[in-house]
Amino acid sequence: DLTGAPDGATIVAPEDATVIGIDRGWSEGSKAAFLRTNTGLFLV
């Protein structure tokens, strides 16, 4: 958990990637992004 983020804080891509999913169901009313990076990681 990357904590202490206020409402509306900008979220950026950690590295160059392809968006596999965006605005996917997550937890407590929030959503998730799924990224496949050019370096071979799948990030949630």
All heavy atoms as atom14 arrays in JSON, in Angstrom:
{
  "sequence": "DLTGAPDGATIVAPEDATVIGIDRGWSEGSKAAFLRTNTGLFLV",
  "atom14_mask": [
    [1, 1, 1, 1, 1, 1, 1, 1, 0, 0, 0, 0, 0, 0],
    [1, 1, 1, 1, 1, 1, 1, 1, 0, 0, 0, 0, 0, 0],
    [1, 1, 1, 1, 1, 1, 1, 0, 0, 0, 0, 0, 0, 0],
    [1, 1, 1, 1, 0, 0, 0, 0, 0, 0, 0, 0, 0, 0],
    [1, 1, 1, 1, 1, 0, 0, 0, 0, 0, 0, 0, 0, 0],
    [1, 1, 1, 1, 1, 1, 1, 0, 0, 0, 0, 0, 0, 0],
    [1, 1, 1, 1, 1, 1, 1, 1, 0, 0, 0, 0, 0, 0],
    [1, 1, 1, 1, 0, 0, 0, 0, 0, 0, 0, 0, 0, 0],
    [1, 1, 1, 1, 1, 0, 0, 0, 0, 0, 0, 0, 0, 0],
    [1, 1, 1, 1, 1, 1, 1, 0, 0, 0, 0, 0, 0, 0],
    [1, 1, 1, 1, 1, 1, 1, 1, 0, 0, 0, 0, 0, 0],
    [1, 1, 1, 1, 1, 1, 1, 0, 0, 0, 0, 0, 0, 0],
    [1, 1, 1, 1, 1, 0, 0, 0, 0, 0, 0, 0, 0, 0],
    [1, 1, 1, 1, 1, 1, 1, 0, 0, 0, 0, 0, 0, 0],
    [1, 1, 1, 1, 1, 1, 1, 1, 1, 0, 0, 0, 0, 0],
    [1, 1, 1, 1, 1, 1, 1, 1, 0, 0, 0, 0, 0, 0],
    [1, 1, 1, 1, 1, 0, 0, 0, 0, 0, 0, 0, 0, 0],
    [1, 1, 1, 1, 1, 1, 1, 0, 0, 0, 0, 0, 0, 0],
    [1, 1, 1, 1, 1, 1, 1, 0, 0, 0, 0, 0, 0, 0],
    [1, 1, 1, 1, 1, 1, 1, 1, 0, 0, 0, 0, 0, 0],
    [1, 1, 1, 1, 0, 0, 0, 0, 0, 0, 0, 0, 0, 0],
    [1, 1, 1, 1, 1, 1, 1, 1, 0, 0, 0, 0, 0, 0],
    [1, 1, 1, 1, 1, 1, 1, 1, 0, 0, 0, 0, 0, 0],
    [1, 1, 1, 1, 1, 1, 1, 1, 1, 1, 1, 0, 0, 0],
    [1, 1, 1, 1, 0, 0, 0, 0, 0, 0, 0, 0, 0, 0],
    [1, 1, 1, 1, 1, 1, 1, 1, 1, 1, 1, 1, 1, 1],
    [1, 1, 1, 1, 1, 1, 0, 0, 0, 0, 0, 0, 0, 0],
    [1, 1, 1, 1, 1, 1, 1, 1, 1, 0, 0, 0, 0, 0],
    [1, 1, 1, 1, 0, 0, 0, 0, 0, 0, 0, 0, 0, 0],
    [1, 1, 1, 1, 1, 1, 0, 0, 0, 0, 0, 0, 0, 0],
    [1, 1, 1, 1, 1, 1, 1, 1, 1, 0, 0, 0, 0, 0],
    [1, 1, 1, 1, 1, 0, 0, 0, 0, 0, 0, 0, 0, 0],
    [1, 1, 1, 1, 1, 0, 0, 0, 0, 0, 0, 0, 0, 0],
    [1, 1, 1, 1, 1, 1, 1, 1, 1, 1, 1, 0, 0, 0],
    [1, 1, 1, 1, 1, 1, 1, 1, 0, 0, 0, 0, 0, 0],
    [1, 1, 1, 1, 1, 1, 1, 1, 1, 1, 1, 0, 0, 0],
    [1, 1, 1, 1, 1, 1, 1, 0, 0, 0, 0, 0, 0, 0],
    [1, 1, 1, 1, 1, 1, 1, 1, 0, 0, 0, 0, 0, 0],
    [1, 1, 1, 1, 1, 1, 1, 0, 0, 0, 0, 0, 0, 0],
    [1, 1, 1, 1, 0, 0, 0, 0, 0, 0, 0, 0, 0, 0],
    [1, 1, 1, 1, 1, 1, 1, 1, 0, 0, 0, 0, 0, 0],
    [1, 1, 1, 1, 1, 1, 1, 1, 1, 1, 1, 0, 0, 0],
    [1, 1, 1, 1, 1, 1, 1, 1, 0, 0, 0, 0, 0, 0],
    [1, 1, 1, 1, 1, 1, 1, 0, 0, 0, 0, 0, 0, 0]
  ],
  "atom14_positions": [
    [[0.84, -1.19, 0.0], [0.0, 0.0, 0.0], [0.88, 1.25, 0.0], [1.74, 1.41, 0.86], [-0.91, 0.02, 1.22], [-1.95, -1.09, 1.19], [-2.34, -1.5, 0.07], [-2.38, -1.55, 2.26], [0.0, 0.0, 0.0], [0.0, 0.0, 0.0], [0.0, 0.0, 0.0], [0.0, 0.0, 0.0], [0.0, 0.0, 0.0], [0.0, 0.0, 0.0]],
    [[0.64, 2.12, -0.97], [1.31, 3.41, -1.06], [0.35, 4.41, -0.43], [-0.65, 4.8, -1.04], [1.62, 3.77, -2.51], [2.25, 2.64, -3.36], [2.53, 3.13, -4.77], [3.52, 2.11, -2.7], [0.0, 0.0, 0.0], [0.0, 0.0, 0.0], [0.0, 0.0, 0.0], [0.0, 0.0, 0.0], [0.0, 0.0, 0.0], [0.0, 0.0, 0.0]],
    [[0.59, 4.78, 0.8], [-0.41, 5.41, 1.65], [-0.31, 6.94, 1.7], [0.61, 7.54, 1.16], [-0.3, 4.86, 3.08], [1.03, 5.1, 3.57], [-0.56, 3.36, 3.11], [0.0, 0.0, 0.0], [0.0, 0.0, 0.0], [0.0, 0.0, 0.0], [0.0, 0.0, 0.0], [0.0, 0.0, 0.0], [0.0, 0.0, 0.0], [0.0, 0.0, 0.0]],
    [[-1.3, 7.54, 2.37], [-1.3, 8.97, 2.61], [-1.69, 9.82, 1.42], [-1.32, 11.0, 1.34], [0.0, 0.0, 0.0], [0.0, 0.0, 0.0], [0.0, 0.0, 0.0], [0.0, 0.0, 0.0], [0.0, 0.0, 0.0], [0.0, 0.0, 0.0], [0.0, 0.0, 0.0], [0.0, 0.0, 0.0], [0.0, 0.0, 0.0], [0.0, 0.0, 0.0]],
    [[-2.46, 9.26, 0.48], [-2.83, 10.01, -0.73], [-4.17, 10.71, -0.54], [-5.17, 10.06, -0.23], [-2.9, 9.06, -1.92], [0.0, 0.0, 0.0], [0.0, 0.0, 0.0], [0.0, 0.0, 0.0], [0.0, 0.0, 0.0], [0.0, 0.0, 0.0], [0.0, 0.0, 0.0], [0.0, 0.0, 0.0], [0.0, 0.0, 0.0], [0.0, 0.0, 0.0]],
    [[-4.23, 12.03, -0.73], [-5.49, 12.75, -0.58], [-6.4, 12.58, -1.79], [-5.95, 12.15, -2.87], [-5.04, 14.21, -0.45], [-3.78, 14.27, -1.26], [-3.11, 12.93, -1.05], [0.0, 0.0, 0.0], [0.0, 0.0, 0.0], [0.0, 0.0, 0.0], [0.0, 0.0, 0.0], [0.0, 0.0, 0.0], [0.0, 0.0, 0.0], [0.0, 0.0, 0.0]],
    [[-7.65, 12.92, -1.62], [-8.61, 12.85, -2.71], [-8.14, 13.69, -3.89], [-7.72, 14.84, -3.74], [-9.97, 13.36, -2.23], [-11.05, 13.18, -3.29], [-11.14, 12.09, -3.86], [-11.8, 14.15, -3.55], [0.0, 0.0, 0.0], [0.0, 0.0, 0.0], [0.0, 0.0, 0.0], [0.0, 0.0, 0.0], [0.0, 0.0, 0.0], [0.0, 0.0, 0.0]],
    [[-8.17, 13.11, -5.06], [-7.83, 13.83, -6.28], [-6.36, 13.85, -6.63], [-5.99, 14.42, -7.67], [0.0, 0.0, 0.0], [0.0, 0.0, 0.0], [0.0, 0.0, 0.0], [0.0, 0.0, 0.0], [0.0, 0.0, 0.0], [0.0, 0.0, 0.0], [0.0, 0.0, 0.0], [0.0, 0.0, 0.0], [0.0, 0.0, 0.0], [0.0, 0.0, 0.0]],
    [[-5.51, 13.24, -5.81], [-4.08, 13.19, -6.15], [-3.89, 12.46, -7.48], [-4.55, 11.46, -7.76], [-3.29, 12.49, -5.05], [0.0, 0.0, 0.0], [0.0, 0.0, 0.0], [0.0, 0.0, 0.0], [0.0, 0.0, 0.0], [0.0, 0.0, 0.0], [0.0, 0.0, 0.0], [0.0, 0.0, 0.0], [0.0, 0.0, 0.0], [0.0, 0.0, 0.0]],
    [[-3.0, 12.97, -8.3], [-2.76, 12.39, -9.62], [-2.02, 11.06, -9.49], [-1.09, 10.93, -8.7], [-1.93, 13.34, -10.49], [-2.58, 14.61, -10.54], [-1.77, 12.8, -11.9], [0.0, 0.0, 0.0], [0.0, 0.0, 0.0], [0.0, 0.0, 0.0], [0.0, 0.0, 0.0], [0.0, 0.0, 0.0], [0.0, 0.0, 0.0], [0.0, 0.0, 0.0]],
    [[-2.44, 10.08, -10.28], [-1.78, 8.78, -10.36], [-1.12, 8.67, -11.73], [-1.78, 8.91, -12.75], [-2.79, 7.63, -10.19], [-3.58, 7.79, -8.9], [-2.07, 6.27, -10.22], [-4.86, 6.96, -8.87], [0.0, 0.0, 0.0], [0.0, 0.0, 0.0], [0.0, 0.0, 0.0], [0.0, 0.0, 0.0], [0.0, 0.0, 0.0], [0.0, 0.0, 0.0]],
    [[0.17, 8.33, -11.76], [0.88, 8.23, -13.03], [1.41, 6.81, -13.25], [1.52, 6.01, -12.32], [2.05, 9.24, -13.09], [1.55, 10.66, -12.86], [3.16, 8.87, -12.12], [0.0, 0.0, 0.0], [0.0, 0.0, 0.0], [0.0, 0.0, 0.0], [0.0, 0.0, 0.0], [0.0, 0.0, 0.0], [0.0, 0.0, 0.0], [0.0, 0.0, 0.0]],
    [[1.73, 6.52, -14.49], [2.29, 5.21, -14.85], [3.71, 5.1, -14.32], [4.54, 5.98, -14.56], [2.29, 5.04, -16.36], [0.0, 0.0, 0.0], [0.0, 0.0, 0.0], [0.0, 0.0, 0.0], [0.0, 0.0, 0.0], [0.0, 0.0, 0.0], [0.0, 0.0, 0.0], [0.0, 0.0, 0.0], [0.0, 0.0, 0.0], [0.0, 0.0, 0.0]],
    [[4.03, 4.0, -13.61], [5.4, 3.83, -13.09], [6.45, 3.64, -14.18], [7.62, 3.93, -13.95], [5.29, 2.58, -12.22], [3.85, 2.5, -11.84], [3.11, 2.99, -13.07], [0.0, 0.0, 0.0], [0.0, 0.0, 0.0], [0.0, 0.0, 0.0], [0.0, 0.0, 0.0], [0.0, 0.0, 0.0], [0.0, 0.0, 0.0], [0.0, 0.0, 0.0]],
    [[6.03, 3.12, -15.33], [6.96, 2.94, -16.43], [6.19, 2.81, -17.73], [4.95, 2.75, -17.74], [7.88, 1.74, -16.2], [7.21, 0.44, -15.87], [8.23, -0.71, -15.72], [8.85, -1.08, -16.74], [8.39, -1.22, -14.6], [0.0, 0.0, 0.0], [0.0, 0.0, 0.0], [0.0, 0.0, 0.0], [0.0, 0.0, 0.0], [0.0, 0.0, 0.0]],
    [[6.9, 2.78, -18.86], [6.26, 2.63, -20.16], [5.48, 1.31, -20.19], [6.02, 0.26, -19.8], [7.3, 2.61, -21.28], [8.05, 3.94, -21.42], [7.7, 4.9, -20.72], [8.98, 3.99, -22.24], [0.0, 0.0, 0.0], [0.0, 0.0, 0.0], [0.0, 0.0, 0.0], [0.0, 0.0, 0.0], [0.0, 0.0, 0.0], [0.0, 0.0, 0.0]],
    [[4.24, 1.37, -20.67], [3.39, 0.19, -20.58], [2.21, 0.28, -21.54], [1.94, 1.34, -22.12], [2.86, 0.05, -19.15], [0.0, 0.0, 0.0], [0.0, 0.0, 0.0], [0.0, 0.0, 0.0], [0.0, 0.0, 0.0], [0.0, 0.0, 0.0], [0.0, 0.0, 0.0], [0.0, 0.0, 0.0], [0.0, 0.0, 0.0], [0.0, 0.0, 0.0]],
    [[1.51, -0.84, -21.65], [0.23, -0.91, -22.35], [-0.87, -1.04, -21.3], [-0.74, -1.84, -20.37], [0.18, -2.1, -23.32], [1.23, -1.97, -24.27], [-1.16, -2.18, -24.03], [0.0, 0.0, 0.0], [0.0, 0.0, 0.0], [0.0, 0.0, 0.0], [0.0, 0.0, 0.0], [0.0, 0.0, 0.0], [0.0, 0.0, 0.0], [0.0, 0.0, 0.0]],
    [[-1.94, -0.28, -21.46], [-3.07, -0.36, -20.53], [-3.9, -1.59, -20.9], [-4.51, -1.66, -21.96], [-3.93, 0.92, -20.6], [-5.12, 0.81, -19.64], [-3.1, 2.15, -20.28], [0.0, 0.0, 0.0], [0.0, 0.0, 0.0], [0.0, 0.0, 0.0], [0.0, 0.0, 0.0], [0.0, 0.0, 0.0], [0.0, 0.0, 0.0], [0.0, 0.0, 0.0]],
    [[-3.93, -2.57, -20.0], [-4.7, -3.79, -20.22], [-6.13, -3.62, -19.7], [-7.08, -4.17, -20.27], [-4.01, -4.99, -19.53], [-2.59, -5.16, -20.06], [-4.81, -6.27, -19.72], [-2.49, -5.34, -21.56], [0.0, 0.0, 0.0], [0.0, 0.0, 0.0], [0.0, 0.0, 0.0], [0.0, 0.0, 0.0], [0.0, 0.0, 0.0], [0.0, 0.0, 0.0]],
    [[-6.27, -2.86, -18.64], [-7.6, -2.58, -18.09], [-7.57, -1.25, -17.35], [-6.55, -0.9, -16.75], [0.0, 0.0, 0.0], [0.0, 0.0, 0.0], [0.0, 0.0, 0.0], [0.0, 0.0, 0.0], [0.0, 0.0, 0.0], [0.0, 0.0, 0.0], [0.0, 0.0, 0.0], [0.0, 0.0, 0.0], [0.0, 0.0, 0.0], [0.0, 0.0, 0.0]],
    [[-8.68, -0.53, -17.4], [-8.77, 0.76, -16.71], [-10.19, 0.92, -16.17], [-11.15, 0.44, -16.78], [-8.38, 1.93, -17.66], [-8.14, 3.23, -16.89], [-9.4, 2.11, -18.76], [-6.83, 3.31, -16.17], [0.0, 0.0, 0.0], [0.0, 0.0, 0.0], [0.0, 0.0, 0.0], [0.0, 0.0, 0.0], [0.0, 0.0, 0.0], [0.0, 0.0, 0.0]],
    [[-10.31, 1.54, -15.01], [-11.6, 1.73, -14.35], [-12.25, 0.38, -14.03], [-13.47, 0.24, -14.09], [-12.53, 2.6, -15.19], [-13.55, 3.37, -14.35], [-13.15, 3.91, -13.29], [-14.73, 3.42, -14.74], [0.0, 0.0, 0.0], [0.0, 0.0, 0.0], [0.0, 0.0, 0.0], [0.0, 0.0, 0.0], [0.0, 0.0, 0.0], [0.0, 0.0, 0.0]],
    [[-11.43, -0.59, -13.68], [-11.92, -1.91, -13.29], [-12.36, -1.91, -11.83], [-11.83, -1.17, -11.02], [-10.83, -2.97, -13.49], [-10.4, -3.17, -14.93], [-11.41, -3.97, -15.72], [-10.91, -4.33, -17.03], [-10.22, -5.44, -17.31], [-9.93, -6.29, -16.34], [-9.82, -5.69, -18.53], [0.0, 0.0, 0.0], [0.0, 0.0, 0.0], [0.0, 0.0, 0.0]],
    [[-13.3, -2.78, -11.49], [-13.77, -2.87, -10.11], [-12.65, -3.18, -9.14], [-11.77, -3.98, -9.43], [0.0, 0.0, 0.0], [0.0, 0.0, 0.0], [0.0, 0.0, 0.0], [0.0, 0.0, 0.0], [0.0, 0.0, 0.0], [0.0, 0.0, 0.0], [0.0, 0.0, 0.0], [0.0, 0.0, 0.0], [0.0, 0.0, 0.0], [0.0, 0.0, 0.0]],
    [[-12.68, -2.5, -7.97], [-11.63, -2.71, -6.99], [-12.23, -2.84, -5.61], [-13.04, -3.74, -5.36], [-10.57, -1.6, -7.08], [-9.32, -1.87, -6.29], [-8.86, -1.18, -5.22], [-8.4, -2.96, -6.5], [-7.69, -1.75, -4.74], [-7.39, -2.84, -5.52], [-8.33, -4.0, -7.41], [-6.33, -3.73, -5.43], [-7.27, -4.88, -7.32], [-6.28, -4.74, -6.34]],
    [[-11.89, -1.96, -4.67], [-12.31, -2.1, -3.28], [-12.85, -0.78, -2.75], [-12.34, 0.29, -3.11], [-11.1, -2.55, -2.44], [-11.4, -2.61, -1.07], [0.0, 0.0, 0.0], [0.0, 0.0, 0.0], [0.0, 0.0, 0.0], [0.0, 0.0, 0.0], [0.0, 0.0, 0.0], [0.0, 0.0, 0.0], [0.0, 0.0, 0.0], [0.0, 0.0, 0.0]],
    [[-13.86, -0.85, -1.89], [-14.4, 0.32, -1.2], [-14.78, 1.43, -2.16], [-14.57, 2.62, -1.9], [-13.4, 0.83, -0.15], [-13.06, -0.21, 0.91], [-11.97, 0.25, 1.85], [-11.91, 1.45, 2.16], [-11.18, -0.61, 2.27], [0.0, 0.0, 0.0], [0.0, 0.0, 0.0], [0.0, 0.0, 0.0], [0.0, 0.0, 0.0], [0.0, 0.0, 0.0]],
    [[-15.37, 1.05, -3.29], [-15.85, 2.03, -4.25], [-14.79, 2.55, -5.2], [-15.1, 3.35, -6.1], [0.0, 0.0, 0.0], [0.0, 0.0, 0.0], [0.0, 0.0, 0.0], [0.0, 0.0, 0.0], [0.0, 0.0, 0.0], [0.0, 0.0, 0.0], [0.0, 0.0, 0.0], [0.0, 0.0, 0.0], [0.0, 0.0, 0.0], [0.0, 0.0, 0.0]],
    [[-13.55, 2.12, -5.04], [-12.48, 2.59, -5.92], [-12.35, 1.69, -7.15], [-12.98, 0.64, -7.24], [-11.15, 2.65, -5.16], [-10.71, 1.34, -4.83], [0.0, 0.0, 0.0], [0.0, 0.0, 0.0], [0.0, 0.0, 0.0], [0.0, 0.0, 0.0], [0.0, 0.0, 0.0], [0.0, 0.0, 0.0], [0.0, 0.0, 0.0], [0.0, 0.0, 0.0]],
    [[-11.5, 2.1, -8.07], [-11.26, 1.35, -9.3], [-9.77, 1.05, -9.45], [-8.94, 1.56, -8.7], [-11.75, 2.16, -10.51], [-13.24, 2.47, -10.48], [-14.09, 1.23, -10.64], [-15.57, 1.57, -10.7], [-16.41, 0.35, -10.94], [0.0, 0.0, 0.0], [0.0, 0.0, 0.0], [0.0, 0.0, 0.0], [0.0, 0.0, 0.0], [0.0, 0.0, 0.0]],
    [[-9.45, 0.21, -10.43], [-8.07, -0.21, -10.64], [-7.66, -0.06, -12.09], [-8.49, -0.07, -13.0], [-7.89, -1.66, -10.2], [0.0, 0.0, 0.0], [0.0, 0.0, 0.0], [0.0, 0.0, 0.0], [0.0, 0.0, 0.0], [0.0, 0.0, 0.0], [0.0, 0.0, 0.0], [0.0, 0.0, 0.0], [0.0, 0.0, 0.0], [0.0, 0.0, 0.0]],
    [[-6.34, 0.07, -12.29], [-5.74, 0.02, -13.62], [-4.8, -1.18, -13.68], [-4.11, -1.48, -12.71], [-4.97, 1.31, -13.9], [0.0, 0.0, 0.0], [0.0, 0.0, 0.0], [0.0, 0.0, 0.0], [0.0, 0.0, 0.0], [0.0, 0.0, 0.0], [0.0, 0.0, 0.0], [0.0, 0.0, 0.0], [0.0, 0.0, 0.0], [0.0, 0.0, 0.0]],
    [[-4.79, -1.86, -14.83], [-3.89, -2.97, -15.07], [-2.96, -2.58, -16.22], [-3.42, -2.21, -17.3], [-4.66, -4.23, -15.45], [-5.66, -4.7, -14.43], [-6.83, -5.33, -14.84], [-5.45, -4.5, -13.08], [-7.75, -5.77, -13.9], [-6.37, -4.94, -12.13], [-7.53, -5.57, -12.55], [0.0, 0.0, 0.0], [0.0, 0.0, 0.0], [0.0, 0.0, 0.0]],
    [[-1.65, -2.66, -15.98], [-0.67, -2.28, -16.98], [0.28, -3.42, -17.27], [0.75, -4.1, -16.34], [0.16, -1.08, -16.48], [-0.59, 0.17, -16.0], [0.42, 1.2, -15.49], [-1.43, 0.76, -17.11], [0.0, 0.0, 0.0], [0.0, 0.0, 0.0], [0.0, 0.0, 0.0], [0.0, 0.0, 0.0], [0.0, 0.0, 0.0], [0.0, 0.0, 0.0]],
    [[0.61, -3.62, -18.54], [1.66, -4.56, -18.93], [2.85, -3.73, -19.38], [2.79, -3.04, -20.39], [1.2, -5.5, -20.04], [2.25, -6.53, -20.44], [1.72, -7.56, -21.42], [0.74, -8.43, -20.77], [-0.5, -8.63, -21.23], [-0.91, -8.03, -22.32], [-1.31, -9.45, -20.58], [0.0, 0.0, 0.0], [0.0, 0.0, 0.0], [0.0, 0.0, 0.0]],
    [[3.93, -3.79, -18.61], [5.06, -2.92, -18.9], [5.93, -3.47, -20.02], [5.93, -4.67, -20.31], [5.94, -2.71, -17.65], [6.69, -3.91, -17.4], [5.1, -2.38, -16.42], [0.0, 0.0, 0.0], [0.0, 0.0, 0.0], [0.0, 0.0, 0.0], [0.0, 0.0, 0.0], [0.0, 0.0, 0.0], [0.0, 0.0, 0.0], [0.0, 0.0, 0.0]],
    [[6.7, -2.58, -20.62], [7.62, -2.99, -21.68], [8.75, -3.86, -21.15], [9.46, -4.5, -21.92], [8.21, -1.76, -22.38], [7.16, -0.96, -23.14], [5.98, -1.34, -23.19], [7.57, 0.15, -23.73], [0.0, 0.0, 0.0], [0.0, 0.0, 0.0], [0.0, 0.0, 0.0], [0.0, 0.0, 0.0], [0.0, 0.0, 0.0], [0.0, 0.0, 0.0]],
    [[8.92, -3.87, -19.82], [9.98, -4.67, -19.19], [9.49, -6.04, -18.72], [10.24, -6.78, -18.1], [10.57, -3.92, -17.99], [9.51, -3.65, -17.04], [11.2, -2.6, -18.42], [0.0, 0.0, 0.0], [0.0, 0.0, 0.0], [0.0, 0.0, 0.0], [0.0, 0.0, 0.0], [0.0, 0.0, 0.0], [0.0, 0.0, 0.0], [0.0, 0.0, 0.0]],
    [[8.2, -6.37, -18.98], [7.72, -7.7, -18.66], [7.01, -7.85, -17.33], [6.82, -8.98, -16.86], [0.0, 0.0, 0.0], [0.0, 0.0, 0.0], [0.0, 0.0, 0.0], [0.0, 0.0, 0.0], [0.0, 0.0, 0.0], [0.0, 0.0, 0.0], [0.0, 0.0, 0.0], [0.0, 0.0, 0.0], [0.0, 0.0, 0.0], [0.0, 0.0, 0.0]],
    [[6.57, -6.74, -16.73], [5.78, -6.81, -15.51], [4.31, -6.58, -15.82], [3.96, -5.88, -16.77], [6.23, -5.76, -14.49], [7.59, -5.89, -13.84], [7.81, -4.74, -12.88], [7.73, -7.23, -13.13], [0.0, 0.0, 0.0], [0.0, 0.0, 0.0], [0.0, 0.0, 0.0], [0.0, 0.0, 0.0], [0.0, 0.0, 0.0], [0.0, 0.0, 0.0]],
    [[3.45, -7.15, -14.98], [2.04, -6.82, -14.98], [1.79, -6.08, -13.68], [1.99, -6.62, -12.59], [1.18, -8.08, -15.04], [-0.3, -7.8, -15.16], [-0.87, -7.57, -16.4], [-1.11, -7.75, -14.04], [-2.22, -7.28, -16.52], [-2.46, -7.48, -14.14], [-3.02, -7.25, -15.39], [0.0, 0.0, 0.0], [0.0, 0.0, 0.0], [0.0, 0.0, 0.0]],
    [[1.4, -4.79, -13.78], [1.19, -3.95, -12.61], [-0.29, -3.76, -12.33], [-1.08, -3.52, -13.25], [1.82, -2.57, -12.81], [3.31, -2.51, -13.14], [3.74, -1.05, -13.29], [4.13, -3.19, -12.06], [0.0, 0.0, 0.0], [0.0, 0.0, 0.0], [0.0, 0.0, 0.0], [0.0, 0.0, 0.0], [0.0, 0.0, 0.0], [0.0, 0.0, 0.0]],
    [[-0.66, -3.85, -11.07], [-2.01, -3.55, -10.61], [-1.92, -2.31, -9.72], [-1.15, -2.29, -8.76], [-2.6, -4.73, -9.81], [-3.98, -4.37, -9.26], [-2.68, -5.97, -10.68], [0.0, 0.0, 0.0], [0.0, 0.0, 0.0], [0.0, 0.0, 0.0], [0.0, 0.0, 0.0], [0.0, 0.0, 0.0], [0.0, 0.0, 0.0], [0.0, 0.0, 0.0]]
  ]
}
